[in-house]
Structure formats: structure tokens, C-alpha cells
PDB file of N, CA and C in Angstrom:
ATOM      1  N   MET A   1      56.160  32.082 -11.614  1.00  0.00           N
ATOM      2  CA  MET A   1      56.088  32.620 -12.964  1.00  0.00           C
ATOM      3  C   MET A   1      57.248  33.581 -13.198  1.00  0.00           C
ATOM      4  N   THR A   2      57.696  33.623 -14.402  1.00  0.00           N
ATOM      5  CA  THR A   2      58.750  34.568 -14.754  1.00  0.00           C
ATOM      6  C   THR A   2      58.127  35.941 -15.000  1.00  0.00           C
ATOM      7  N   PRO A   3      58.923  36.996 -14.951  1.00  0.00           N
ATOM      8  CA  PRO A   3      58.380  38.320 -15.276  1.00  0.00           C
ATOM      9  C   PRO A   3      57.712  38.362 -16.654  1.00  0.00           C
ATOM     10  N   LYS A   4      58.275  37.654 -17.628  1.00  0.00           N
ATOM     11  CA  LYS A   4      57.697  37.612 -18.970  1.00  0.00           C
ATOM     12  C   LYS A   4      56.310  36.950 -18.944  1.00  0.00           C
ATOM     13  N   GLN A   5      56.159  35.876 -18.178  1.00  0.00           N
ATOM     14  CA  GLN A   5      54.865  35.200 -18.060  1.00  0.00           C
ATOM     15  C   GLN A   5      53.857  36.081 -17.322  1.00  0.00           C
ATOM     16  N   ILE A   6      54.314  36.787 -16.293  1.00  0.00           N
ATOM     17  CA  ILE A   6      53.437  37.702 -15.552  1.00  0.00           C
ATOM     18  C   ILE A   6      52.971  38.824 -16.483  1.00  0.00           C
ATOM     19  N   ASP A   7      53.887  39.342 -17.270  1.00  0.00           N
ATOM     20  CA  ASP A   7      53.568  40.388 -18.247  1.00  0.00           C
ATOM     21  C   ASP A   7      52.476  39.897 -19.204  1.00  0.00           C
ATOM     22  N   ALA A   8      52.643  38.712 -19.758  1.00  0.00           N
ATOM     23  CA  ALA A   8      51.663  38.152 -20.697  1.00  0.00           C
ATOM     24  C   ALA A   8      50.310  37.947 -20.022  1.00  0.00           C
ATOM     25  N   PHE A   9      50.319  37.465 -18.777  1.00  0.00           N
ATOM     26  CA  PHE A   9      49.072  37.232 -18.054  1.00  0.00           C
ATOM     27  C   PHE A   9      48.333  38.543 -17.795  1.00  0.00           C
ATOM     28  N   CYS A  10      49.042  39.540 -17.272  1.00  0.00           N
ATOM     29  CA  CYS A  10      48.404  40.825 -16.956  1.00  0.00           C
ATOM     30  C   CYS A  10      47.866  41.505 -18.216  1.00  0.00           C
ATOM     31  N   SER A  11      48.561  41.345 -19.318  1.00  0.00           N
ATOM     32  CA  SER A  11      48.124  41.954 -20.580  1.00  0.00           C
ATOM     33  C   SER A  11      46.767  41.429 -21.035  1.00  0.00           C
ATOM     34  N   LYS A  12      46.422  40.228 -20.622  1.00  0.00           N
ATOM     35  CA  LYS A  12      45.167  39.604 -21.045  1.00  0.00           C
ATOM     36  C   LYS A  12      43.987  39.905 -20.116  1.00  0.00           C
ATOM     37  N   LEU A  13      44.238  40.549 -18.988  1.00  0.00           N
ATOM     38  CA  LEU A  13      43.135  40.871 -18.077  1.00  0.00           C
ATOM     39  C   LEU A  13      42.250  41.947 -18.707  1.00  0.00           C
ATOM     40  N   PRO A  14      40.940  41.890 -18.468  1.00  0.00           N
ATOM     41  CA  PRO A  14      40.007  42.826 -19.114  1.00  0.00           C
ATOM     42  C   PRO A  14      40.354  44.292 -18.848  1.00  0.00           C
ATOM     43  N   GLY A  15      40.446  45.066 -19.917  1.00  0.00           N
ATOM     44  CA  GLY A  15      40.683  46.499 -19.798  1.00  0.00           C
ATOM     45  C   GLY A  15      42.092  46.889 -19.380  1.00  0.00           C
ATOM     46  N   ALA A  16      43.002  45.912 -19.284  1.00  0.00           N
ATOM     47  CA  ALA A  16      44.362  46.204 -18.827  1.00  0.00           C
ATOM     48  C   ALA A  16      45.162  46.917 -19.911  1.00  0.00           C
ATOM     49  N   THR A  17      45.943  47.890 -19.483  1.00  0.00           N
ATOM     50  CA  THR A  17      46.881  48.567 -20.367  1.00  0.00           C
ATOM     51  C   THR A  17      48.272  48.424 -19.780  1.00  0.00           C
ATOM     52  N   ARG A  18      49.268  48.485 -20.660  1.00  0.00           N
ATOM     53  CA  ARG A  18      50.657  48.290 -20.256  1.00  0.00           C
ATOM     54  C   ARG A  18      51.478  49.492 -20.687  1.00  0.00           C
ATOM     55  N   THR A  19      52.267  50.020 -19.762  1.00  0.00           N
ATOM     56  CA  THR A  19      53.195  51.099 -20.072  1.00  0.00           C
ATOM     57  C   THR A  19      54.522  50.789 -19.393  1.00  0.00           C
ATOM     58  N   VAL A  20      55.549  51.497 -19.797  1.00  0.00           N
ATOM     59  CA  VAL A  20      56.848  51.390 -19.133  1.00  0.00           C
ATOM     60  C   VAL A  20      57.166  52.776 -18.582  1.00  0.00           C
ATOM     61  N   GLN A  21      57.429  52.827 -17.278  1.00  0.00           N
ATOM     62  CA  GLN A  21      57.700  54.076 -16.571  1.00  0.00           C
ATOM     63  C   GLN A  21      58.886  53.871 -15.637  1.00  0.00           C
ATOM     64  N   TRP A  22      59.312  54.918 -15.019  1.00  0.00           N
ATOM     65  CA  TRP A  22      60.296  54.870 -13.928  1.00  0.00           C
ATOM     66  C   TRP A  22      61.483  53.952 -14.211  1.00  0.00           C
ATOM     67  N   GLU A  23      62.259  54.317 -15.161  1.00  0.00           N
ATOM     68  CA  GLU A  23      63.506  53.586 -15.444  1.00  0.00           C
ATOM     69  C   GLU A  23      63.266  52.109 -15.763  1.00  0.00           C
ATOM     70  N   GLY A  24      62.305  51.839 -16.621  1.00  0.00           N
ATOM     71  CA  GLY A  24      62.105  50.478 -17.099  1.00  0.00           C
ATOM     72  C   GLY A  24      61.108  49.634 -16.343  1.00  0.00           C
ATOM     73  N   VAL A  25      60.336  50.199 -15.441  1.00  0.00           N
ATOM     74  CA  VAL A  25      59.325  49.434 -14.703  1.00  0.00           C
ATOM     75  C   VAL A  25      58.091  49.266 -15.592  1.00  0.00           C
ATOM     76  N   THR A  26      57.661  48.022 -15.777  1.00  0.00           N
ATOM     77  CA  THR A  26      56.450  47.740 -16.534  1.00  0.00           C
ATOM     78  C   THR A  26      55.264  47.945 -15.606  1.00  0.00           C
ATOM     79  N   VAL A  27      54.339  48.792 -16.027  1.00  0.00           N
ATOM     80  CA  VAL A  27      53.198  49.169 -15.196  1.00  0.00           C
ATOM     81  C   VAL A  27      51.913  48.722 -15.882  1.00  0.00           C
ATOM     82  N   PHE A  28      51.105  47.975 -15.163  1.00  0.00           N
ATOM     83  CA  PHE A  28      49.792  47.569 -15.671  1.00  0.00           C
ATOM     84  C   PHE A  28      48.721  48.384 -14.973  1.00  0.00           C
ATOM     85  N   LYS A  29      47.787  48.878 -15.784  1.00  0.00           N
ATOM     86  CA  LYS A  29      46.706  49.709 -15.271  1.00  0.00           C
ATOM     87  C   LYS A  29      45.373  49.208 -15.802  1.00  0.00           C
ATOM     88  N   VAL A  30      44.332  49.538 -15.059  1.00  0.00           N
ATOM     89  CA  VAL A  30      42.966  49.338 -15.533  1.00  0.00           C
ATOM     90  C   VAL A  30      42.244  50.649 -15.252  1.00  0.00           C
ATOM     91  N   GLY A  31      41.625  51.203 -16.282  1.00  0.00           N
ATOM     92  CA  GLY A  31      40.962  52.492 -16.119  1.00  0.00           C
ATOM     93  C   GLY A  31      41.906  53.603 -15.722  1.00  0.00           C
ATOM     94  N   GLY A  32      43.176  53.485 -16.089  1.00  0.00           N
ATOM     95  CA  GLY A  32      44.163  54.501 -15.754  1.00  0.00           C
ATOM     96  C   GLY A  32      44.764  54.376 -14.369  1.00  0.00           C
ATOM     97  N   LYS A  33      44.372  53.357 -13.613  1.00  0.00           N
ATOM     98  CA  LYS A  33      44.871  53.152 -12.249  1.00  0.00           C
ATOM     99  C   LYS A  33      45.746  51.893 -12.207  1.00  0.00           C
ATOM    100  N   MET A  34      46.898  52.013 -11.577  1.00  0.00           N
ATOM    101  CA  MET A  34      47.845  50.895 -11.508  1.00  0.00           C
ATOM    102  C   MET A  34      47.321  49.742 -10.658  1.00  0.00           C
ATOM    103  N   PHE A  35      47.637  48.513 -11.105  1.00  0.00           N
ATOM    104  CA  PHE A  35      47.349  47.346 -10.275  1.00  0.00           C
ATOM    105  C   PHE A  35      48.541  46.406 -10.149  1.00  0.00           C
ATOM    106  N   CYS A  36      49.561  46.553 -11.002  1.00  0.00           N
ATOM    107  CA  CYS A  36      50.728  45.666 -10.941  1.00  0.00           C
ATOM    108  C   CYS A  36      51.948  46.366 -11.519  1.00  0.00           C
ATOM    109  N   LEU A  37      53.117  46.121 -10.900  1.00  0.00           N
ATOM    110  CA  LEU A  37      54.399  46.632 -11.381  1.00  0.00           C
ATOM    111  C   LEU A  37      55.378  45.474 -11.505  1.00  0.00           C
ATOM    112  N   ILE A  38      56.106  45.440 -12.607  1.00  0.00           N
ATOM    113  CA  ILE A  38      57.176  44.457 -12.781  1.00  0.00           C
ATOM    114  C   ILE A  38      58.455  45.259 -13.016  1.00  0.00           C
ATOM    115  N   ALA A  39      59.382  45.161 -12.091  1.00  0.00           N
ATOM    116  CA  ALA A  39      60.617  45.944 -12.180  1.00  0.00           C
ATOM    117  C   ALA A  39      61.754  45.101 -12.745  1.00  0.00           C
ATOM    118  N   PRO A  40      62.673  45.758 -13.459  1.00  0.00           N
ATOM    119  CA  PRO A  40      63.849  45.029 -13.928  1.00  0.00           C
ATOM    120  C   PRO A  40      64.739  44.653 -12.739  1.00  0.00           C
ATOM    121  N   PRO A  41      65.603  43.666 -12.922  1.00  0.00           N
ATOM    122  CA  PRO A  41      66.509  43.293 -11.824  1.00  0.00           C
ATOM    123  C   PRO A  41      67.312  44.502 -11.344  1.00  0.00           C
ATOM    124  N   GLU A  42      67.597  44.522 -10.074  1.00  0.00           N
ATOM    125  CA  GLU A  42      68.411  45.567  -9.445  1.00  0.00           C
ATOM    126  C   GLU A  42      67.745  46.933  -9.401  1.00  0.00           C
ATOM    127  N   HIS A  43      66.452  47.023  -9.662  1.00  0.00           N
ATOM    128  CA  HIS A  43      65.737  48.299  -9.561  1.00  0.00           C
ATOM    129  C   HIS A  43      65.435  48.559  -8.090  1.00  0.00           C
ATOM    130  N   SER A  44      65.174  49.807  -7.723  1.00  0.00           N
ATOM    131  CA  SER A  44      64.926  50.152  -6.321  1.00  0.00           C
ATOM    132  C   SER A  44      63.593  49.604  -5.800  1.00  0.00           C
ATOM    133  N   VAL A  45      62.646  49.313  -6.700  1.00  0.00           N
ATOM    134  CA  VAL A  45      61.400  48.685  -6.250  1.00  0.00           C
ATOM    135  C   VAL A  45      61.552  47.180  -6.374  1.00  0.00           C
ATOM    136  N   ALA A  46      60.651  46.443  -5.769  1.00  0.00           N
ATOM    137  CA  ALA A  46      60.728  44.987  -5.809  1.00  0.00           C
ATOM    138  C   ALA A  46      60.472  44.469  -7.219  1.00  0.00           C
ATOM    139  N   ARG A  47      60.825  43.248  -7.452  1.00  0.00           N
ATOM    140  CA  ARG A  47      60.661  42.625  -8.775  1.00  0.00           C
ATOM    141  C   ARG A  47      59.195  42.616  -9.211  1.00  0.00           C
ATOM    142  N   LEU A  48      58.288  42.316  -8.271  1.00  0.00           N
ATOM    143  CA  LEU A  48      56.854  42.300  -8.555  1.00  0.00           C
ATOM    144  C   LEU A  48      56.131  42.991  -7.404  1.00  0.00           C
ATOM    145  N   SER A  49      55.279  43.940  -7.724  1.00  0.00           N
ATOM    146  CA  SER A  49      54.459  44.627  -6.723  1.00  0.00           C
ATOM    147  C   SER A  49      53.039  44.677  -7.253  1.00  0.00           C
ATOM    148  N   PHE A  50      52.084  44.567  -6.330  1.00  0.00           N
ATOM    149  CA  PHE A  50      50.689  44.632  -6.753  1.00  0.00           C
ATOM    150  C   PHE A  50      49.797  45.106  -5.619  1.00  0.00           C
ATOM    151  N   LYS A  51      48.659  45.630  -6.012  1.00  0.00           N
ATOM    152  CA  LYS A  51      47.633  46.084  -5.066  1.00  0.00           C
ATOM    153  C   LYS A  51      47.002  44.861  -4.423  1.00  0.00           C
ATOM    154  N   CYS A  52      46.718  44.952  -3.141  1.00  0.00           N
ATOM    155  CA  CYS A  52      45.971  43.861  -2.513  1.00  0.00           C
ATOM    156  C   CYS A  52      44.733  44.443  -1.838  1.00  0.00           C
ATOM    157  N   ALA A  53      43.799  43.581  -1.548  1.00  0.00           N
ATOM    158  CA  ALA A  53      42.583  44.017  -0.874  1.00  0.00           C
ATOM    159  C   ALA A  53      42.971  44.575   0.494  1.00  0.00           C
ATOM    160  N   PRO A  54      42.417  45.720   0.876  1.00  0.00           N
ATOM    161  CA  PRO A  54      42.791  46.329   2.149  1.00  0.00           C
ATOM    162  C   PRO A  54      42.674  45.383   3.344  1.00  0.00           C
ATOM    163  N   GLU A  55      41.673  44.537   3.330  1.00  0.00           N
ATOM    164  CA  GLU A  55      41.474  43.620   4.460  1.00  0.00           C
ATOM    165  C   GLU A  55      42.528  42.514   4.522  1.00  0.00           C
ATOM    166  N   HIS A  56      43.296  42.324   3.459  1.00  0.00           N
ATOM    167  CA  HIS A  56      44.335  41.287   3.436  1.00  0.00           C
ATOM    168  C   HIS A  56      45.746  41.850   3.556  1.00  0.00           C
ATOM    169  N   TYR A  57      45.864  43.175   3.500  1.00  0.00           N
ATOM    170  CA  TYR A  57      47.191  43.786   3.455  1.00  0.00           C
ATOM    171  C   TYR A  57      48.069  43.436   4.660  1.00  0.00           C
ATOM    172  N   ASP A  58      47.564  43.579   5.870  1.00  0.00           N
ATOM    173  CA  ASP A  58      48.398  43.347   7.055  1.00  0.00           C
ATOM    174  C   ASP A  58      48.979  41.937   7.079  1.00  0.00           C
ATOM    175  N   ALA A  59      48.134  40.961   6.857  1.00  0.00           N
ATOM    176  CA  ALA A  59      48.607  39.568   6.887  1.00  0.00           C
ATOM    177  C   ALA A  59      49.540  39.282   5.711  1.00  0.00           C
ATOM    178  N   LEU A  60      49.170  39.729   4.541  1.00  0.00           N
ATOM    179  CA  LEU A  60      49.963  39.427   3.350  1.00  0.00           C
ATOM    180  C   LEU A  60      51.323  40.110   3.384  1.00  0.00           C
ATOM    181  N   SER A  61      51.375  41.341   3.850  1.00  0.00           N
ATOM    182  CA  SER A  61      52.649  42.073   3.866  1.00  0.00           C
ATOM    183  C   SER A  61      53.645  41.470   4.855  1.00  0.00           C
ATOM    184  N   ARG A  62      53.168  40.623   5.739  1.00  0.00           N
ATOM    185  CA  ARG A  62      54.050  39.961   6.715  1.00  0.00           C
ATOM    186  C   ARG A  62      54.300  38.497   6.379  1.00  0.00           C
ATOM    187  N   SER A  63      53.688  38.019   5.310  1.00  0.00           N
ATOM    188  CA  SER A  63      53.860  36.617   4.905  1.00  0.00           C
ATOM    189  C   SER A  63      55.246  36.403   4.317  1.00  0.00           C
ATOM    190  N   GLU A  64      55.698  35.154   4.380  1.00  0.00           N
ATOM    191  CA  GLU A  64      57.023  34.817   3.870  1.00  0.00           C
ATOM    192  C   GLU A  64      57.141  35.178   2.386  1.00  0.00           C
ATOM    193  N   GLY A  65      58.197  35.907   2.055  1.00  0.00           N
ATOM    194  CA  GLY A  65      58.446  36.311   0.679  1.00  0.00           C
ATOM    195  C   GLY A  65      57.856  37.660   0.315  1.00  0.00           C
ATOM    196  N   PHE A  66      56.891  38.132   1.104  1.00  0.00           N
ATOM    197  CA  PHE A  66      56.230  39.412   0.842  1.00  0.00           C
ATOM    198  C   PHE A  66      56.805  40.501   1.742  1.00  0.00           C
ATOM    199  N   ARG A  67      56.594  41.736   1.327  1.00  0.00           N
ATOM    200  CA  ARG A  67      56.912  42.895   2.163  1.00  0.00           C
ATOM    201  C   ARG A  67      56.055  44.055   1.685  1.00  0.00           C
ATOM    202  N   PRO A  68      55.905  45.091   2.486  1.00  0.00           N
ATOM    203  CA  PRO A  68      55.196  46.272   2.000  1.00  0.00           C
ATOM    204  C   PRO A  68      55.919  46.827   0.774  1.00  0.00           C
ATOM    205  N   ALA A  69      55.175  47.212  -0.232  1.00  0.00           N
ATOM    206  CA  ALA A  69      55.784  47.710  -1.471  1.00  0.00           C
ATOM    207  C   ALA A  69      56.400  49.085  -1.265  1.00  0.00           C
ATOM    208  N   PRO A  70      57.646  49.267  -1.717  1.00  0.00           N
ATOM    209  CA  PRO A  70      58.267  50.585  -1.618  1.00  0.00           C
ATOM    210  C   PRO A  70      57.406  51.632  -2.324  1.00  0.00           C
ATOM    211  N   TYR A  71      57.226  52.751  -1.667  1.00  0.00           N
ATOM    212  CA  TYR A  71      56.487  53.907  -2.189  1.00  0.00           C
ATOM    213  C   TYR A  71      54.972  53.704  -2.262  1.00  0.00           C
ATOM    214  N   LEU A  72      54.494  52.474  -2.177  1.00  0.00           N
ATOM    215  CA  LEU A  72      53.062  52.214  -2.365  1.00  0.00           C
ATOM    216  C   LEU A  72      52.404  51.500  -1.196  1.00  0.00           C
ATOM    217  N   ALA A  73      53.132  51.257  -0.133  1.00  0.00           N
ATOM    218  CA  ALA A  73      52.571  50.531   1.011  1.00  0.00           C
ATOM    219  C   ALA A  73      51.376  51.265   1.613  1.00  0.00           C
ATOM    220  N   ARG A  74      51.418  52.583   1.615  1.00  0.00           N
ATOM    221  CA  ARG A  74      50.301  53.348   2.190  1.00  0.00           C
ATOM    222  C   ARG A  74      49.010  53.115   1.425  1.00  0.00           C
ATOM    223  N   ALA A  75      49.135  52.683   0.160  1.00  0.00           N
ATOM    224  CA  ALA A  75      47.959  52.388  -0.672  1.00  0.00           C
ATOM    225  C   ALA A  75      47.637  50.892  -0.663  1.00  0.00           C
ATOM    226  N   LYS A  76      48.236  50.159   0.289  1.00  0.00           N
ATOM    227  CA  LYS A  76      47.979  48.723   0.467  1.00  0.00           C
ATOM    228  C   LYS A  76      48.515  47.877  -0.684  1.00  0.00           C
ATOM    229  N   TRP A  77      49.740  48.141  -1.069  1.00  0.00           N
ATOM    230  CA  TRP A  77      50.441  47.353  -2.078  1.00  0.00           C
ATOM    231  C   TRP A  77      51.465  46.480  -1.382  1.00  0.00           C
ATOM    232  N   VAL A  78      51.684  45.285  -1.919  1.00  0.00           N
ATOM    233  CA  VAL A  78      52.704  44.380  -1.410  1.00  0.00           C
ATOM    234  C   VAL A  78      53.727  44.119  -2.514  1.00  0.00           C
ATOM    235  N   ALA A  79      54.898  43.632  -2.105  1.00  0.00           N
ATOM    236  CA  ALA A  79      55.982  43.399  -3.042  1.00  0.00           C
ATOM    237  C   ALA A  79      56.615  42.040  -2.815  1.00  0.00           C
ATOM    238  N   LEU A  80      57.132  41.498  -3.896  1.00  0.00           N
ATOM    239  CA  LEU A  80      57.882  40.245  -3.870  1.00  0.00           C
ATOM    240  C   LEU A  80      59.222  40.494  -4.546  1.00  0.00           C
ATOM    241  N   ASP A  81      60.310  40.204  -3.864  1.00  0.00           N
ATOM    242  CA  ASP A  81      61.612  40.331  -4.496  1.00  0.00           C
ATOM    243  C   ASP A  81      61.857  39.151  -5.435  1.00  0.00           C
ATOM    244  N   ASP A  82      61.258  38.013  -5.117  1.00  0.00           N
ATOM    245  CA  ASP A  82      61.378  36.829  -5.964  1.00  0.00           C
ATOM    246  C   ASP A  82      59.981  36.265  -6.224  1.00  0.00           C
ATOM    247  N   PRO A  83      59.397  36.555  -7.385  1.00  0.00           N
ATOM    248  CA  PRO A  83      58.040  36.073  -7.676  1.00  0.00           C
ATOM    249  C   PRO A  83      57.918  34.547  -7.663  1.00  0.00           C
ATOM    250  N   LYS A  84      59.033  33.843  -7.734  1.00  0.00           N
ATOM    251  CA  LYS A  84      58.989  32.379  -7.772  1.00  0.00           C
ATOM    252  C   LYS A  84      58.634  31.757  -6.430  1.00  0.00           C
ATOM    253  N   VAL A  85      58.495  32.586  -5.370  1.00  0.00           N
ATOM    254  CA  VAL A  85      58.066  32.033  -4.080  1.00  0.00           C
ATOM    255  C   VAL A  85      56.602  31.599  -4.146  1.00  0.00           C
ATOM    256  N   LEU A  86      55.891  32.083  -5.173  1.00  0.00           N
ATOM    257  CA  LEU A  86      54.490  31.706  -5.364  1.00  0.00           C
ATOM    258  C   LEU A  86      54.376  30.737  -6.531  1.00  0.00           C
ATOM    259  N   SER A  87      53.397  29.868  -6.448  1.00  0.00           N
ATOM    260  CA  SER A  87      53.110  28.998  -7.581  1.00  0.00           C
ATOM    261  C   SER A  87      52.460  29.837  -8.681  1.00  0.00           C
ATOM    262  N   PRO A  88      52.468  29.377  -9.909  1.00  0.00           N
ATOM    263  CA  PRO A  88      51.783  30.120 -10.979  1.00  0.00           C
ATOM    264  C   PRO A  88      50.302  30.363 -10.657  1.00  0.00           C
ATOM    265  N   MET A  89      49.648  29.391 -10.058  1.00  0.00           N
ATOM    266  CA  MET A  89      48.238  29.538  -9.709  1.00  0.00           C
ATOM    267  C   MET A  89      48.050  30.649  -8.668  1.00  0.00           C
ATOM    268  N   GLU A  90      48.926  30.679  -7.654  1.00  0.00           N
ATOM    269  CA  GLU A  90      48.840  31.727  -6.630  1.00  0.00           C
ATOM    270  C   GLU A  90      49.109  33.109  -7.230  1.00  0.00           C
ATOM    271  N   THR A  91      50.132  33.195  -8.076  1.00  0.00           N
ATOM    272  CA  THR A  91      50.466  34.473  -8.702  1.00  0.00           C
ATOM    273  C   THR A  91      49.285  34.994  -9.505  1.00  0.00           C
ATOM    274  N   LYS A  92      48.703  34.135 -10.316  1.00  0.00           N
ATOM    275  CA  LYS A  92      47.556  34.543 -11.136  1.00  0.00           C
ATOM    276  C   LYS A  92      46.391  34.984 -10.263  1.00  0.00           C
ATOM    277  N   ALA A  93      46.153  34.279  -9.172  1.00  0.00           N
ATOM    278  CA  ALA A  93      45.042  34.627  -8.273  1.00  0.00           C
ATOM    279  C   ALA A  93      45.268  36.008  -7.647  1.00  0.00           C
ATOM    280  N   TYR A  94      46.488  36.278  -7.180  1.00  0.00           N
ATOM    281  CA  TYR A  94      46.788  37.583  -6.586  1.00  0.00           C
ATOM    282  C   TYR A  94      46.655  38.697  -7.617  1.00  0.00           C
ATOM    283  N   LEU A  95      47.123  38.453  -8.835  1.00  0.00           N
ATOM    284  CA  LEU A  95      47.048  39.480  -9.871  1.00  0.00           C
ATOM    285  C   LEU A  95      45.614  39.721 -10.334  1.00  0.00           C
ATOM    286  N   LYS A  96      44.825  38.669 -10.424  1.00  0.00           N
ATOM    287  CA  LYS A  96      43.403  38.843 -10.763  1.00  0.00           C
ATOM    288  C   LYS A  96      42.705  39.661  -9.686  1.00  0.00           C
ATOM    289  N   ARG A  97      43.041  39.368  -8.435  1.00  0.00           N
ATOM    290  CA  ARG A  97      42.435  40.103  -7.316  1.00  0.00           C
ATOM    291  C   ARG A  97      42.871  41.567  -7.332  1.00  0.00           C
ATOM    292  N   ALA A  98      44.152  41.827  -7.614  1.00  0.00           N
ATOM    293  CA  ALA A  98      44.639  43.205  -7.691  1.00  0.00           C
ATOM    294  C   ALA A  98      43.880  43.962  -8.779  1.00  0.00           C
ATOM    295  N   HIS A  99      43.714  43.332  -9.903  1.00  0.00           N
ATOM    296  CA  HIS A  99      42.965  43.925 -11.018  1.00  0.00           C
ATOM    297  C   HIS A  99      41.526  44.202 -10.587  1.00  0.00           C
ATOM    298  N   ALA A 100      40.896  43.238  -9.934  1.00  0.00           N
ATOM    299  CA  ALA A 100      39.505  43.385  -9.503  1.00  0.00           C
ATOM    300  C   ALA A 100      39.337  44.487  -8.463  1.00  0.00           C
ATOM    301  N   VAL A 101      40.284  44.605  -7.537  1.00  0.00           N
ATOM    302  CA  VAL A 101      40.212  45.651  -6.504  1.00  0.00           C
ATOM    303  C   VAL A 101      40.249  47.035  -7.165  1.00  0.00           C
ATOM    304  N   ILE A 102      41.166  47.216  -8.096  1.00  0.00           N
ATOM    305  CA  ILE A 102      41.276  48.513  -8.769  1.00  0.00           C
ATOM    306  C   ILE A 102      40.065  48.757  -9.661  1.00  0.00           C
ATOM    307  N   ALA A 103      39.673  47.771 -10.444  1.00  0.00           N
ATOM    308  CA  ALA A 103      38.517  47.932 -11.335  1.00  0.00           C
ATOM    309  C   ALA A 103      37.249  48.229 -10.539  1.00  0.00           C
ATOM    310  N   GLY A 104      37.096  47.573  -9.405  1.00  0.00           N
ATOM    311  CA  GLY A 104      35.917  47.783  -8.565  1.00  0.00           C
ATOM    312  C   GLY A 104      35.844  49.162  -7.942  1.00  0.00           C
ATOM    313  N   ALA A 105      36.974  49.825  -7.822  1.00  0.00           N
ATOM    314  CA  ALA A 105      37.005  51.165  -7.221  1.00  0.00           C
ATOM    315  C   ALA A 105      36.878  52.286  -8.256  1.00  0.00           C
ATOM    316  N   LEU A 106      36.843  51.906  -9.521  1.00  0.00           N
ATOM    317  CA  LEU A 106      36.688  52.925 -10.568  1.00  0.00           C
ATOM    318  C   LEU A 106      35.292  53.527 -10.522  1.00  0.00           C
ATOM    319  N   PRO A 107      35.149  54.758 -10.979  1.00  0.00           N
ATOM    320  CA  PRO A 107      33.810  55.347 -11.053  1.00  0.00           C
ATOM    321  C   PRO A 107      32.913  54.508 -11.967  1.00  0.00           C
ATOM    322  N   ARG A 108      31.634  54.532 -11.653  1.00  0.00           N
ATOM    323  CA  ARG A 108      30.676  53.713 -12.399  1.00  0.00           C
ATOM    324  C   ARG A 108      30.769  53.944 -13.905  1.00  0.00           C
ATOM    325  N   LYS A 109      30.875  55.176 -14.310  1.00  0.00           N
ATOM    326  CA  LYS A 109      30.945  55.521 -15.727  1.00  0.00           C
ATOM    327  C   LYS A 109      32.151  54.831 -16.390  1.00  0.00           C
ATOM    328  N   LYS A 110      33.295  54.836 -15.698  1.00  0.00           N
ATOM    329  CA  LYS A 110      34.507  54.221 -16.230  1.00  0.00           C
ATOM    330  C   LYS A 110      34.351  52.704 -16.298  1.00  0.00           C
ATOM    331  N   ARG A 111      33.738  52.106 -15.269  1.00  0.00           N
ATOM    332  CA  ARG A 111      33.514  50.651 -15.284  1.00  0.00           C
ATOM    333  C   ARG A 111      32.623  50.250 -16.454  1.00  0.00           C
ATOM    334  N   VAL A 112      31.571  51.014 -16.698  1.00  0.00           N
ATOM    335  CA  VAL A 112      30.669  50.734 -17.821  1.00  0.00           C
ATOM    336  C   VAL A 112      31.420  50.875 -19.145  1.00  0.00           C
ATOM    337  N   GLU A 113      32.226  51.931 -19.247  1.00  0.00           N
ATOM    338  CA  GLU A 113      33.021  52.168 -20.446  1.00  0.00           C
ATOM    339  C   GLU A 113      33.954  50.994 -20.747  1.00  0.00           C
ATOM    340  N   LEU A 114      34.504  50.381 -19.689  1.00  0.00           N
ATOM    341  CA  LEU A 114      35.422  49.254 -19.846  1.00  0.00           C
ATOM    342  C   LEU A 114      34.704  47.910 -19.952  1.00  0.00           C
ATOM    343  N   GLY A 115      33.399  47.923 -19.782  1.00  0.00           N
ATOM    344  CA  GLY A 115      32.638  46.681 -19.907  1.00  0.00           C
ATOM    345  C   GLY A 115      32.532  45.871 -18.629  1.00  0.00           C
ATOM    346  N   PHE A 116      32.710  46.513 -17.483  1.00  0.00           N
ATOM    347  CA  PHE A 116      32.603  45.807 -16.197  1.00  0.00           C
ATOM    348  C   PHE A 116      31.218  45.983 -15.613  1.00  0.00           C
TER     349      PHE A 116
END
């Protein structure tokens, strides 16, 4: 998927908000917590970064095309310098999971407020 397609997909996830921070990085949040970053070309962070389930972080961060996300690896985020290493179906699945991991960790009151 292209960054534009990823942007459109993340925008449609339940309760997702979109902001631009850190020198043009598109940041997607749910309940005020980040779940995905799309960086412009040549930025210091990877082109696409997202939260992954803690139990999958070790394997995923060592998979071909993936690496620990700059600045966010301690929070179990992974990064892709080229999002095209994944099929559109795989990309959507990882992003849905990132959204679900963050949404699931929100306080109960916030989840109810967002309709989860």
C-alpha cells in the first residue's frame, strides 16, 4: 500500500484521529494514544511505524523488512522503511491489530466513550 492508501485506511478505523507532528509525520491515534506513524521520505523515522502486540514484537522486529521503530521500540513498535514489502491485506491486518492493541489498553471509561 502507498502512504496515501495507508492514511485513508487508518482514518476509517473506529475512533481514529489524525494529526501531523514532528516535521510532517502523520500520526494516527485512538483515545489520544498513537497506533501508527507515516513519515515523509527521508525523515529520521521509518516510512511506516506501528504498535504491535507485545507477544509478537520479538519475532516481528526481526522479520524481513521490519526493524525496531526508532524512538518507540521500547514500547513494542516496529518499523518498515518500505511498506510495499507487505501485501495490502497484510498491511491492513497489522494496522487493525495496532489499533486494537491501543484501544484495548485504554481505560474502560474511554473505551465506552469511543463505543468499544
